[in-house]
């Protein structure tokens, strides 16, 4: 799937009313979507999930029905949205973002919950262990300490000898942001690098945040993956260019939108994997018995156009390791 191309019609499908025949039959499985960010901004990812469901043989409004709820980057809305999905008697709730998984878990102990993205489910008490979740939550987990350290290494390859870096996070993402800042700071200490952390809660705070970061003159800015940031990825790239800040991101989509470098997981593939979990659950598998997956394939994407605009020369050794170089 071309992540840069998306058919606008799928947005309408997300919000479409349930088919009359599905309502009357009462036997068509109902899948709830609980999105921490914006449904419209994250629509390409949900479309990847829907496409995977189609490939598994499901026909929307005939053999499966989707109900979508999005918090638009306001995590305080998630508990009420999760409760709505529970009241609508969905068979499975698919969550995007750690905060969404937590809200769904608090809302129900019986409806199956599949994480399409999320971090540290064991530490947050969502599952007993990755191998044997033991409750009603399973799916895919995304963030690791190793990735934080790898992105720091990439930052120092882009600007050799960099001793001062910054990291930007979305405070609204809760534990996902807190844990990644913690892990990245630990990796920075091991490398003898100073790392300044800045967080925001709303997209309207980004301009001020970038101005604050730029005043401290970090060599590179690391930007944490977050549902709210995904919808603002082009703006993040524009602000970074405006303030002459090289950026390192967690997801390839950010480099495609103009960020300098991204190293991490293909988010669309995570949503496709979530569909496999849903299929298994609808066929009788219990979430408690489905191991939580940890991604093993990561992509390095470099935006050479952005590098040239910043006046940076990307080392040839780094370019040769890239999975994709955007000219």
C-alpha atoms as a PDB file:
ATOM      1  CA  UNK A   1       0.000   0.000   0.000  1.00  0.00           C
ATOM      2  CA  UNK A   2       1.324   3.458  -0.888  1.00  0.00           C
ATOM      3  CA  UNK A   3       1.178   5.289   2.406  1.00  0.00           C
ATOM      4  CA  UNK A   4       1.183   8.640   0.644  1.00  0.00           C
ATOM      5  CA  UNK A   5      -1.879   7.835  -1.412  1.00  0.00           C
ATOM      6  CA  UNK A   6      -5.229   7.472   0.255  1.00  0.00           C
ATOM      7  CA  UNK A   7      -8.699   7.338  -1.169  1.00  0.00           C
ATOM      8  CA  UNK A   8     -10.824   9.962   0.515  1.00  0.00           C
ATOM      9  CA  UNK A   9     -13.848   7.720   0.301  1.00  0.00           C
ATOM     10  CA  UNK A  10     -12.545   5.582   3.136  1.00  0.00           C
ATOM     11  CA  UNK A  11     -13.064   8.507   5.505  1.00  0.00           C
ATOM     12  CA  UNK A  12     -16.734   8.427   4.758  1.00  0.00           C
ATOM     13  CA  UNK A  13     -16.799   4.699   5.418  1.00  0.00           C
ATOM     14  CA  UNK A  14     -15.335   5.232   8.873  1.00  0.00           C
ATOM     15  CA  UNK A  15     -18.258   7.418   9.807  1.00  0.00           C
ATOM     16  CA  UNK A  16     -20.921   5.599   7.779  1.00  0.00           C
ATOM     17  CA  UNK A  17     -24.056   4.420   9.613  1.00  0.00           C
ATOM     18  CA  UNK A  18     -24.459   0.733  10.186  1.00  0.00           C
ATOM     19  CA  UNK A  19     -26.110  -1.152   7.366  1.00  0.00           C
ATOM     20  CA  UNK A  20     -29.787  -1.909   7.984  1.00  0.00           C
ATOM     21  CA  UNK A  21     -29.332  -5.577   7.169  1.00  0.00           C
ATOM     22  CA  UNK A  22     -26.502  -5.826   9.713  1.00  0.00           C
ATOM     23  CA  UNK A  23     -28.619  -4.191  12.390  1.00  0.00           C
ATOM     24  CA  UNK A  24     -31.524  -6.519  11.698  1.00  0.00           C
ATOM     25  CA  UNK A  25     -29.489  -9.682  11.565  1.00  0.00           C
ATOM     26  CA  UNK A  26     -27.855  -9.038  14.899  1.00  0.00           C
ATOM     27  CA  UNK A  27     -25.207 -11.663  14.158  1.00  0.00           C
ATOM     28  CA  UNK A  28     -22.718  -9.641  12.156  1.00  0.00           C
ATOM     29  CA  UNK A  29     -19.569  -9.084  14.253  1.00  0.00           C
ATOM     30  CA  UNK A  30     -19.016  -5.480  15.256  1.00  0.00           C
ATOM     31  CA  UNK A  31     -15.498  -4.110  15.554  1.00  0.00           C
ATOM     32  CA  UNK A  32     -14.879  -0.891  17.456  1.00  0.00           C
ATOM     33  CA  UNK A  33     -12.015   1.460  16.631  1.00  0.00           C
ATOM     34  CA  UNK A  34     -10.681   3.564  19.516  1.00  0.00           C
ATOM     35  CA  UNK A  35      -8.234   6.172  18.211  1.00  0.00           C
ATOM     36  CA  UNK A  36      -6.222   8.467  20.461  1.00  0.00           C
ATOM     37  CA  UNK A  37      -5.619  10.946  17.643  1.00  0.00           C
ATOM     38  CA  UNK A  38      -7.765  12.135  14.781  1.00  0.00           C
ATOM     39  CA  UNK A  39      -9.669   9.567  12.725  1.00  0.00           C
ATOM     40  CA  UNK A  40      -9.230  11.656   9.601  1.00  0.00           C
ATOM     41  CA  UNK A  41      -5.488  12.197  10.103  1.00  0.00           C
ATOM     42  CA  UNK A  42      -4.933   8.527  10.931  1.00  0.00           C
ATOM     43  CA  UNK A  43      -7.313   7.253   8.254  1.00  0.00           C
ATOM     44  CA  UNK A  44      -4.523   5.714   6.090  1.00  0.00           C
ATOM     45  CA  UNK A  45      -3.613   3.465   9.014  1.00  0.00           C
ATOM     46  CA  UNK A  46      -7.188   2.374   9.669  1.00  0.00           C
ATOM     47  CA  UNK A  47      -7.581   1.765   5.953  1.00  0.00           C
ATOM     48  CA  UNK A  48      -4.615  -0.623   6.170  1.00  0.00           C
ATOM     49  CA  UNK A  49      -6.544  -2.500   8.874  1.00  0.00           C
ATOM     50  CA  UNK A  50      -9.711  -2.558   6.780  1.00  0.00           C
ATOM     51  CA  UNK A  51      -7.806  -3.736   3.709  1.00  0.00           C
ATOM     52  CA  UNK A  52      -6.292  -6.585   5.709  1.00  0.00           C
ATOM     53  CA  UNK A  53      -9.774  -7.546   6.908  1.00  0.00           C
ATOM     54  CA  UNK A  54     -10.960  -7.626   3.301  1.00  0.00           C
ATOM     55  CA  UNK A  55      -8.047  -9.883   2.385  1.00  0.00           C
ATOM     56  CA  UNK A  56      -9.087 -12.191   5.226  1.00  0.00           C
ATOM     57  CA  UNK A  57     -12.500 -12.516   3.609  1.00  0.00           C
ATOM     58  CA  UNK A  58     -14.617  -9.965   5.474  1.00  0.00           C
ATOM     59  CA  UNK A  59     -17.104  -7.796   3.601  1.00  0.00           C
ATOM     60  CA  UNK A  60     -18.006  -4.548   5.307  1.00  0.00           C
ATOM     61  CA  UNK A  61     -21.671  -4.157   6.305  1.00  0.00           C
ATOM     62  CA  UNK A  62     -22.293  -7.780   5.310  1.00  0.00           C
ATOM     63  CA  UNK A  63     -19.933  -9.946   7.348  1.00  0.00           C
ATOM     64  CA  UNK A  64     -18.425  -7.273   9.587  1.00  0.00           C
ATOM     65  CA  UNK A  65     -19.377  -3.798  10.803  1.00  0.00           C
ATOM     66  CA  UNK A  66     -17.001  -1.106  12.045  1.00  0.00           C
ATOM     67  CA  UNK A  67     -17.705   1.554  14.662  1.00  0.00           C
ATOM     68  CA  UNK A  68     -15.075   4.296  15.003  1.00  0.00           C
ATOM     69  CA  UNK A  69     -14.383   6.697  17.858  1.00  0.00           C
ATOM     70  CA  UNK A  70     -11.572   9.257  17.821  1.00  0.00           C
ATOM     71  CA  UNK A  71     -10.348  11.474  20.657  1.00  0.00           C
ATOM     72  CA  UNK A  72      -8.724  14.043  18.333  1.00  0.00           C
ATOM     73  CA  UNK A  73      -5.601  14.152  20.481  1.00  0.00           C
ATOM     74  CA  UNK A  74      -7.574  14.806  23.675  1.00  0.00           C
ATOM     75  CA  UNK A  75      -6.906  11.745  25.864  1.00  0.00           C
ATOM     76  CA  UNK A  76      -9.382  12.910  28.489  1.00  0.00           C
ATOM     77  CA  UNK A  77     -12.132  11.994  26.005  1.00  0.00           C
ATOM     78  CA  UNK A  78     -11.030   8.366  25.705  1.00  0.00           C
ATOM     79  CA  UNK A  79     -12.852   6.905  28.760  1.00  0.00           C
ATOM     80  CA  UNK A  80     -16.227   8.190  27.504  1.00  0.00           C
ATOM     81  CA  UNK A  81     -15.530   6.988  23.964  1.00  0.00           C
ATOM     82  CA  UNK A  82     -14.494   3.566  25.240  1.00  0.00           C
ATOM     83  CA  UNK A  83     -17.707   3.393  27.281  1.00  0.00           C
ATOM     84  CA  UNK A  84     -19.712   4.206  24.133  1.00  0.00           C
ATOM     85  CA  UNK A  85     -18.154   1.282  22.306  1.00  0.00           C
ATOM     86  CA  UNK A  86     -18.877  -1.035  25.229  1.00  0.00           C
ATOM     87  CA  UNK A  87     -22.525   0.084  25.296  1.00  0.00           C
ATOM     88  CA  UNK A  88     -22.801  -0.530  21.552  1.00  0.00           C
ATOM     89  CA  UNK A  89     -21.859  -4.163  22.247  1.00  0.00           C
ATOM     90  CA  UNK A  90     -18.942  -4.451  19.897  1.00  0.00           C
ATOM     91  CA  UNK A  91     -17.264  -7.859  19.777  1.00  0.00           C
ATOM     92  CA  UNK A  92     -13.706  -6.519  19.642  1.00  0.00           C
ATOM     93  CA  UNK A  93     -12.137  -3.104  20.328  1.00  0.00           C
ATOM     94  CA  UNK A  94      -9.048  -2.227  18.285  1.00  0.00           C
ATOM     95  CA  UNK A  95      -7.004   0.523  19.915  1.00  0.00           C
ATOM     96  CA  UNK A  96      -4.506   3.001  18.497  1.00  0.00           C
ATOM     97  CA  UNK A  97      -2.198   4.509  21.094  1.00  0.00           C
ATOM     98  CA  UNK A  98      -1.300   3.450  24.622  1.00  0.00           C
ATOM     99  CA  UNK A  99      -3.854   5.805  26.186  1.00  0.00           C
ATOM    100  CA  UNK A 100      -6.616   4.241  24.087  1.00  0.00           C
ATOM    101  CA  UNK A 101      -5.605   0.742  25.191  1.00  0.00           C
ATOM    102  CA  UNK A 102      -5.682   1.849  28.819  1.00  0.00           C
ATOM    103  CA  UNK A 103      -9.107   3.456  28.428  1.00  0.00           C
ATOM    104  CA  UNK A 104     -10.551   0.363  26.755  1.00  0.00           C
ATOM    105  CA  UNK A 105      -9.064  -1.881  29.446  1.00  0.00           C
ATOM    106  CA  UNK A 106     -10.648   0.244  32.160  1.00  0.00           C
ATOM    107  CA  UNK A 107     -13.995   0.182  30.358  1.00  0.00           C
ATOM    108  CA  UNK A 108     -14.324  -3.581  29.964  1.00  0.00           C
ATOM    109  CA  UNK A 109     -12.861  -6.797  31.308  1.00  0.00           C
ATOM    110  CA  UNK A 110     -14.847  -9.026  28.955  1.00  0.00           C
ATOM    111  CA  UNK A 111     -14.736  -7.553  25.432  1.00  0.00           C
ATOM    112  CA  UNK A 112     -11.584  -8.499  23.527  1.00  0.00           C
ATOM    113  CA  UNK A 113      -9.120  -5.629  23.030  1.00  0.00           C
ATOM    114  CA  UNK A 114      -6.505  -5.683  20.267  1.00  0.00           C
ATOM    115  CA  UNK A 115      -3.701  -3.110  20.364  1.00  0.00           C
ATOM    116  CA  UNK A 116      -2.689  -1.895  16.910  1.00  0.00           C
ATOM    117  CA  UNK A 117      -0.076   0.341  18.526  1.00  0.00           C
ATOM    118  CA  UNK A 118       0.940   0.744  22.139  1.00  0.00           C
ATOM    119  CA  UNK A 119       3.880   0.457  24.496  1.00  0.00           C
ATOM    120  CA  UNK A 120       4.838  -1.399  27.666  1.00  0.00           C
ATOM    121  CA  UNK A 121       1.592  -3.373  28.096  1.00  0.00           C
ATOM    122  CA  UNK A 122       3.176  -5.454  30.870  1.00  0.00           C
ATOM    123  CA  UNK A 123       4.399  -2.444  32.848  1.00  0.00           C
ATOM    124  CA  UNK A 124       0.993  -0.782  32.530  1.00  0.00           C
ATOM    125  CA  UNK A 125      -0.838  -3.877  33.733  1.00  0.00           C
ATOM    126  CA  UNK A 126      -2.675  -4.470  30.459  1.00  0.00           C
ATOM    127  CA  UNK A 127      -1.279  -7.998  30.120  1.00  0.00           C
ATOM    128  CA  UNK A 128       0.372 -10.443  32.518  1.00  0.00           C
ATOM    129  CA  UNK A 129       3.168 -11.154  30.050  1.00  0.00           C
ATOM    130  CA  UNK A 130       3.816 -10.821  26.332  1.00  0.00           C
ATOM    131  CA  UNK A 131       3.806 -14.596  25.853  1.00  0.00           C
ATOM    132  CA  UNK A 132       0.616 -15.197  27.859  1.00  0.00           C
ATOM    133  CA  UNK A 133      -1.463 -12.010  28.173  1.00  0.00           C
ATOM    134  CA  UNK A 134      -3.922 -13.717  30.513  1.00  0.00           C
ATOM    135  CA  UNK A 135      -6.791 -11.251  30.179  1.00  0.00           C
ATOM    136  CA  UNK A 136      -8.823  -9.559  27.455  1.00  0.00           C
ATOM    137  CA  UNK A 137      -5.956  -7.554  25.878  1.00  0.00           C
ATOM    138  CA  UNK A 138      -3.507  -8.630  23.182  1.00  0.00           C
ATOM    139  CA  UNK A 139      -2.066  -7.245  19.931  1.00  0.00           C
ATOM    140  CA  UNK A 140       1.161  -5.478  19.015  1.00  0.00           C
ATOM    141  CA  UNK A 141       3.561  -3.507  21.192  1.00  0.00           C
ATOM    142  CA  UNK A 142       5.783  -0.905  19.580  1.00  0.00           C
ATOM    143  CA  UNK A 143       8.383   0.926  21.669  1.00  0.00           C
ATOM    144  CA  UNK A 144      11.694  -0.452  22.967  1.00  0.00           C
ATOM    145  CA  UNK A 145      14.754   0.940  24.724  1.00  0.00           C
ATOM    146  CA  UNK A 146      16.912  -0.425  21.913  1.00  0.00           C
ATOM    147  CA  UNK A 147      15.141   1.769  19.360  1.00  0.00           C
ATOM    148  CA  UNK A 148      15.656   4.866  21.497  1.00  0.00           C
ATOM    149  CA  UNK A 149      19.384   4.147  21.631  1.00  0.00           C
ATOM    150  CA  UNK A 150      19.501   3.497  17.891  1.00  0.00           C
ATOM    151  CA  UNK A 151      17.880   6.841  17.083  1.00  0.00           C
ATOM    152  CA  UNK A 152      20.415   8.599  19.280  1.00  0.00           C
ATOM    153  CA  UNK A 153      23.189   6.898  17.347  1.00  0.00           C
ATOM    154  CA  UNK A 154      21.623   8.044  14.077  1.00  0.00           C
ATOM    155  CA  UNK A 155      21.441  11.614  15.383  1.00  0.00           C
ATOM    156  CA  UNK A 156      25.150  11.543  16.126  1.00  0.00           C
ATOM    157  CA  UNK A 157      25.928  10.112  12.703  1.00  0.00           C
ATOM    158  CA  UNK A 158      24.073  12.997  11.080  1.00  0.00           C
ATOM    159  CA  UNK A 159      25.917  15.544  13.240  1.00  0.00           C
ATOM    160  CA  UNK A 160      29.187  13.863  14.305  1.00  0.00           C
ATOM    161  CA  UNK A 161      30.280  14.736  17.809  1.00  0.00           C
ATOM    162  CA  UNK A 162      26.925  16.225  18.789  1.00  0.00           C
ATOM    163  CA  UNK A 163      26.892  16.672  22.558  1.00  0.00           C
ATOM    164  CA  UNK A 164      23.521  18.364  22.991  1.00  0.00           C
ATOM    165  CA  UNK A 165      20.236  17.032  21.658  1.00  0.00           C
ATOM    166  CA  UNK A 166      16.543  17.667  22.323  1.00  0.00           C
ATOM    167  CA  UNK A 167      13.489  15.450  22.372  1.00  0.00           C
ATOM    168  CA  UNK A 168       9.876  16.479  21.757  1.00  0.00           C
ATOM    169  CA  UNK A 169       6.963  14.467  23.098  1.00  0.00           C
ATOM    170  CA  UNK A 170       3.182  14.583  23.349  1.00  0.00           C
ATOM    171  CA  UNK A 171       2.277  14.790  27.037  1.00  0.00           C
ATOM    172  CA  UNK A 172      -1.250  13.707  26.153  1.00  0.00           C
ATOM    173  CA  UNK A 173       0.074  10.261  25.231  1.00  0.00           C
ATOM    174  CA  UNK A 174       0.818   9.618  28.883  1.00  0.00           C
ATOM    175  CA  UNK A 175       2.991   6.618  29.682  1.00  0.00           C
ATOM    176  CA  UNK A 176       4.028   6.121  26.061  1.00  0.00           C
ATOM    177  CA  UNK A 177       5.757   9.505  26.031  1.00  0.00           C
ATOM    178  CA  UNK A 178       7.026   9.316  29.614  1.00  0.00           C
ATOM    179  CA  UNK A 179       8.611   5.912  29.045  1.00  0.00           C
ATOM    180  CA  UNK A 180      10.259   6.866  25.777  1.00  0.00           C
ATOM    181  CA  UNK A 181      11.728  10.059  27.209  1.00  0.00           C
ATOM    182  CA  UNK A 182      13.022   8.016  30.144  1.00  0.00           C
ATOM    183  CA  UNK A 183      14.576   5.402  27.858  1.00  0.00           C
ATOM    184  CA  UNK A 184      16.113   8.019  25.568  1.00  0.00           C
ATOM    185  CA  UNK A 185      17.585   9.954  28.494  1.00  0.00           C
ATOM    186  CA  UNK A 186      19.142   6.749  29.795  1.00  0.00           C
ATOM    187  CA  UNK A 187      20.671   6.073  26.388  1.00  0.00           C
ATOM    188  CA  UNK A 188      21.917   9.681  26.203  1.00  0.00           C
ATOM    189  CA  UNK A 189      23.621   9.419  29.601  1.00  0.00           C
ATOM    190  CA  UNK A 190      25.401   6.269  28.460  1.00  0.00           C
ATOM    191  CA  UNK A 191      26.754   8.204  25.474  1.00  0.00           C
ATOM    192  CA  UNK A 192      27.655  11.283  27.503  1.00  0.00           C
ATOM    193  CA  UNK A 193      25.111  13.395  25.618  1.00  0.00           C
ATOM    194  CA  UNK A 194      22.911  16.120  27.095  1.00  0.00           C
ATOM    195  CA  UNK A 195      19.254  15.648  26.219  1.00  0.00           C
ATOM    196  CA  UNK A 196      16.647  18.368  26.844  1.00  0.00           C
ATOM    197  CA  UNK A 197      13.024  17.216  26.886  1.00  0.00           C
ATOM    198  CA  UNK A 198      10.043  19.358  25.848  1.00  0.00           C
ATOM    199  CA  UNK A 199       6.428  18.185  25.784  1.00  0.00           C
ATOM    200  CA  UNK A 200       3.191  19.624  24.443  1.00  0.00           C
ATOM    201  CA  UNK A 201      -0.453  18.710  24.951  1.00  0.00           C
ATOM    202  CA  UNK A 202      -2.021  20.382  21.928  1.00  0.00           C
ATOM    203  CA  UNK A 203      -0.974  20.977  18.350  1.00  0.00           C
ATOM    204  CA  UNK A 204      -1.423  24.699  19.012  1.00  0.00           C
ATOM    205  CA  UNK A 205       1.598  24.537  21.332  1.00  0.00           C
ATOM    206  CA  UNK A 206       4.029  23.319  18.658  1.00  0.00           C
ATOM    207  CA  UNK A 207       5.178  26.741  17.441  1.00  0.00           C
ATOM    208  CA  UNK A 208       6.167  27.824  20.939  1.00  0.00           C
ATOM    209  CA  UNK A 209       7.772  24.451  21.628  1.00  0.00           C
ATOM    210  CA  UNK A 210       9.986  24.699  18.535  1.00  0.00           C
ATOM    211  CA  UNK A 211      10.992  28.244  19.410  1.00  0.00           C
ATOM    212  CA  UNK A 212      11.941  27.099  22.912  1.00  0.00           C
ATOM    213  CA  UNK A 213      13.942  24.161  21.576  1.00  0.00           C
ATOM    214  CA  UNK A 214      15.718  26.263  18.924  1.00  0.00           C
ATOM    215  CA  UNK A 215      16.901  28.789  21.527  1.00  0.00           C
ATOM    216  CA  UNK A 216      18.923  26.043  23.210  1.00  0.00           C
ATOM    217  CA  UNK A 217      20.616  25.184  19.893  1.00  0.00           C
ATOM    218  CA  UNK A 218      20.515  21.373  19.995  1.00  0.00           C
ATOM    219  CA  UNK A 219      22.396  19.626  17.214  1.00  0.00           C
ATOM    220  CA  UNK A 220      19.433  17.335  16.479  1.00  0.00           C
ATOM    221  CA  UNK A 221      15.807  17.112  17.608  1.00  0.00           C
ATOM    222  CA  UNK A 222      14.309  13.678  18.252  1.00  0.00           C
ATOM    223  CA  UNK A 223      10.516  13.558  17.923  1.00  0.00           C
ATOM    224  CA  UNK A 224       8.596  10.827  19.710  1.00  0.00           C
ATOM    225  CA  UNK A 225       5.912   8.932  17.831  1.00  0.00           C
ATOM    226  CA  UNK A 226       2.409   9.913  18.993  1.00  0.00           C
ATOM    227  CA  UNK A 227      -1.072   9.813  17.444  1.00  0.00           C
ATOM    228  CA  UNK A 228      -1.391  13.603  17.659  1.00  0.00           C
ATOM    229  CA  UNK A 229       1.999  14.125  16.030  1.00  0.00           C
ATOM    230  CA  UNK A 230       1.095  11.783  13.176  1.00  0.00           C
ATOM    231  CA  UNK A 231      -1.635  14.165  12.078  1.00  0.00           C
ATOM    232  CA  UNK A 232       0.806  17.084  12.356  1.00  0.00           C
ATOM    233  CA  UNK A 233       3.784  15.420  10.676  1.00  0.00           C
ATOM    234  CA  UNK A 234       3.942  17.872   7.746  1.00  0.00           C
ATOM    235  CA  UNK A 235       3.724  20.801  10.132  1.00  0.00           C
ATOM    236  CA  UNK A 236       6.459  19.284  12.284  1.00  0.00           C
ATOM    237  CA  UNK A 237       8.675  19.067   9.203  1.00  0.00           C
ATOM    238  CA  UNK A 238       7.927  22.673   8.274  1.00  0.00           C
ATOM    239  CA  UNK A 239       8.673  23.939  11.789  1.00  0.00           C
ATOM    240  CA  UNK A 240      11.910  21.968  11.927  1.00  0.00           C
ATOM    241  CA  UNK A 241      13.021  23.477   8.632  1.00  0.00           C
ATOM    242  CA  UNK A 242      12.003  26.950   9.747  1.00  0.00           C
ATOM    243  CA  UNK A 243      14.118  26.646  12.898  1.00  0.00           C
ATOM    244  CA  UNK A 244      16.966  24.813  11.123  1.00  0.00           C
ATOM    245  CA  UNK A 245      16.581  21.709  13.286  1.00  0.00           C
ATOM    246  CA  UNK A 246      17.580  18.300  11.886  1.00  0.00           C
ATOM    247  CA  UNK A 247      15.031  15.758  13.111  1.00  0.00           C
ATOM    248  CA  UNK A 248      15.036  12.041  13.846  1.00  0.00           C
ATOM    249  CA  UNK A 249      11.645  10.322  13.999  1.00  0.00           C
ATOM    250  CA  UNK A 250      10.263   6.937  14.997  1.00  0.00           C
ATOM    251  CA  UNK A 251       8.060   6.148  11.986  1.00  0.00           C
ATOM    252  CA  UNK A 252       8.830   6.186   8.233  1.00  0.00           C
ATOM    253  CA  UNK A 253       5.732   8.280   7.518  1.00  0.00           C
ATOM    254  CA  UNK A 254       7.376  11.285   9.194  1.00  0.00           C
ATOM    255  CA  UNK A 255      10.364  11.253   6.845  1.00  0.00           C
ATOM    256  CA  UNK A 256       7.999  10.925   3.909  1.00  0.00           C
ATOM    257  CA  UNK A 257       6.272  14.078   5.152  1.00  0.00           C
ATOM    258  CA  UNK A 258       9.536  16.030   5.247  1.00  0.00           C
ATOM    259  CA  UNK A 259      11.296  14.955   8.438  1.00  0.00           C
ATOM    260  CA  UNK A 260      15.025  14.339   8.014  1.00  0.00           C
ATOM    261  CA  UNK A 261      15.407  10.750   9.209  1.00  0.00           C
ATOM    262  CA  UNK A 262      13.076   8.082  10.549  1.00  0.00           C
ATOM    263  CA  UNK A 263      13.955   4.731  12.035  1.00  0.00           C
ATOM    264  CA  UNK A 264      11.217   2.459  13.253  1.00  0.00           C
ATOM    265  CA  UNK A 265       8.205   0.395  12.465  1.00  0.00           C
ATOM    266  CA  UNK A 266       5.929   0.679   9.474  1.00  0.00           C
ATOM    267  CA  UNK A 267       2.703   1.696  11.221  1.00  0.00           C
ATOM    268  CA  UNK A 268       0.503   0.419   8.410  1.00  0.00           C
ATOM    269  CA  UNK A 269       1.932  -3.060   8.923  1.00  0.00           C
ATOM    270  CA  UNK A 270       1.043  -2.931  12.620  1.00  0.00           C
ATOM    271  CA  UNK A 271      -2.565  -2.169  11.763  1.00  0.00           C
ATOM    272  CA  UNK A 272      -2.557  -5.037   9.288  1.00  0.00           C
ATOM    273  CA  UNK A 273      -1.272  -7.358  12.020  1.00  0.00           C
ATOM    274  CA  UNK A 274      -4.079  -6.152  14.281  1.00  0.00           C
ATOM    275  CA  UNK A 275      -6.555  -7.434  11.674  1.00  0.00           C
ATOM    276  CA  UNK A 276      -5.019 -10.914  11.952  1.00  0.00           C
ATOM    277  CA  UNK A 277      -5.644 -10.840  15.703  1.00  0.00           C
ATOM    278  CA  UNK A 278      -9.248  -9.751  15.193  1.00  0.00           C
ATOM    279  CA  UNK A 279      -9.792 -12.568  12.695  1.00  0.00           C
ATOM    280  CA  UNK A 280      -8.478 -15.147  15.161  1.00  0.00           C
ATOM    281  CA  UNK A 281     -10.668 -13.801  17.961  1.00  0.00           C
ATOM    282  CA  UNK A 282     -13.790 -13.799  15.781  1.00  0.00           C
ATOM    283  CA  UNK A 283     -13.026 -17.434  14.967  1.00  0.00           C
ATOM    284  CA  UNK A 284     -12.939 -18.375  18.641  1.00  0.00           C
ATOM    285  CA  UNK A 285      -9.436 -17.637  19.934  1.00  0.00           C
ATOM    286  CA  UNK A 286      -9.148 -16.017  23.366  1.00  0.00           C
ATOM    287  CA  UNK A 287      -7.053 -12.847  23.794  1.00  0.00           C
ATOM    288  CA  UNK A 288      -5.575 -14.386  26.937  1.00  0.00           C
ATOM    289  CA  UNK A 289      -3.927 -17.088  24.797  1.00  0.00           C
ATOM    290  CA  UNK A 290      -2.693 -14.900  21.917  1.00  0.00           C
ATOM    291  CA  UNK A 291       0.889 -13.690  22.547  1.00  0.00           C
ATOM    292  CA  UNK A 292       1.547  -9.978  22.165  1.00  0.00           C
ATOM    293  CA  UNK A 293       3.814  -9.387  19.169  1.00  0.00           C
ATOM    294  CA  UNK A 294       6.967  -7.292  19.157  1.00  0.00           C
ATOM    295  CA  UNK A 295       7.983  -6.046  15.700  1.00  0.00           C
ATOM    296  CA  UNK A 296      11.235  -7.439  14.334  1.00  0.00           C
ATOM    297  CA  UNK A 297      11.490  -5.446  11.093  1.00  0.00           C
ATOM    298  CA  UNK A 298      12.450  -1.781  11.142  1.00  0.00           C
ATOM    299  CA  UNK A 299      12.863   0.752   8.357  1.00  0.00           C
ATOM    300  CA  UNK A 300      15.446   3.502   7.951  1.00  0.00           C
ATOM    301  CA  UNK A 301      14.192   6.329   5.739  1.00  0.00           C
ATOM    302  CA  UNK A 302      16.254   9.409   4.883  1.00  0.00           C
ATOM    303  CA  UNK A 303      14.856  12.532   3.264  1.00  0.00           C
ATOM    304  CA  UNK A 304      17.747  13.831   1.176  1.00  0.00           C
ATOM    305  CA  UNK A 305      15.698  16.812   0.007  1.00  0.00           C
ATOM    306  CA  UNK A 306      15.336  17.965   3.615  1.00  0.00           C
ATOM    307  CA  UNK A 307      19.033  17.368   4.264  1.00  0.00           C
ATOM    308  CA  UNK A 308      19.937  19.644   1.351  1.00  0.00           C
ATOM    309  CA  UNK A 309      17.533  22.329   2.588  1.00  0.00           C
ATOM    310  CA  UNK A 310      19.260  22.199   5.991  1.00  0.00           C
ATOM    311  CA  UNK A 311      22.708  22.275   4.413  1.00  0.00           C
ATOM    312  CA  UNK A 312      23.582  18.847   5.783  1.00  0.00           C
ATOM    313  CA  UNK A 313      25.608  16.161   4.070  1.00  0.00           C
ATOM    314  CA  UNK A 314      24.378  12.701   4.997  1.00  0.00           C
ATOM    315  CA  UNK A 315      27.289  10.251   5.357  1.00  0.00           C
ATOM    316  CA  UNK A 316      27.466   7.766   2.502  1.00  0.00           C
ATOM    317  CA  UNK A 317      27.644   4.916   5.006  1.00  0.00           C
ATOM    318  CA  UNK A 318      24.244   5.971   6.354  1.00  0.00           C
ATOM    319  CA  UNK A 319      22.707   6.339   2.904  1.00  0.00           C
ATOM    320  CA  UNK A 320      23.833   2.822   1.980  1.00  0.00           C
ATOM    321  CA  UNK A 321      22.024   1.405   5.033  1.00  0.00           C
ATOM    322  CA  UNK A 322      18.755   3.201   4.269  1.00  0.00           C
ATOM    323  CA  UNK A 323      15.713   1.231   3.166  1.00  0.00           C
ATOM    324  CA  UNK A 324      14.471   4.325   1.343  1.00  0.00           C
ATOM    325  CA  UNK A 325      16.122   7.599   0.324  1.00  0.00           C
ATOM    326  CA  UNK A 326      13.732  10.382  -0.619  1.00  0.00           C
ATOM    327  CA  UNK A 327      15.302  12.676  -3.226  1.00  0.00           C
END
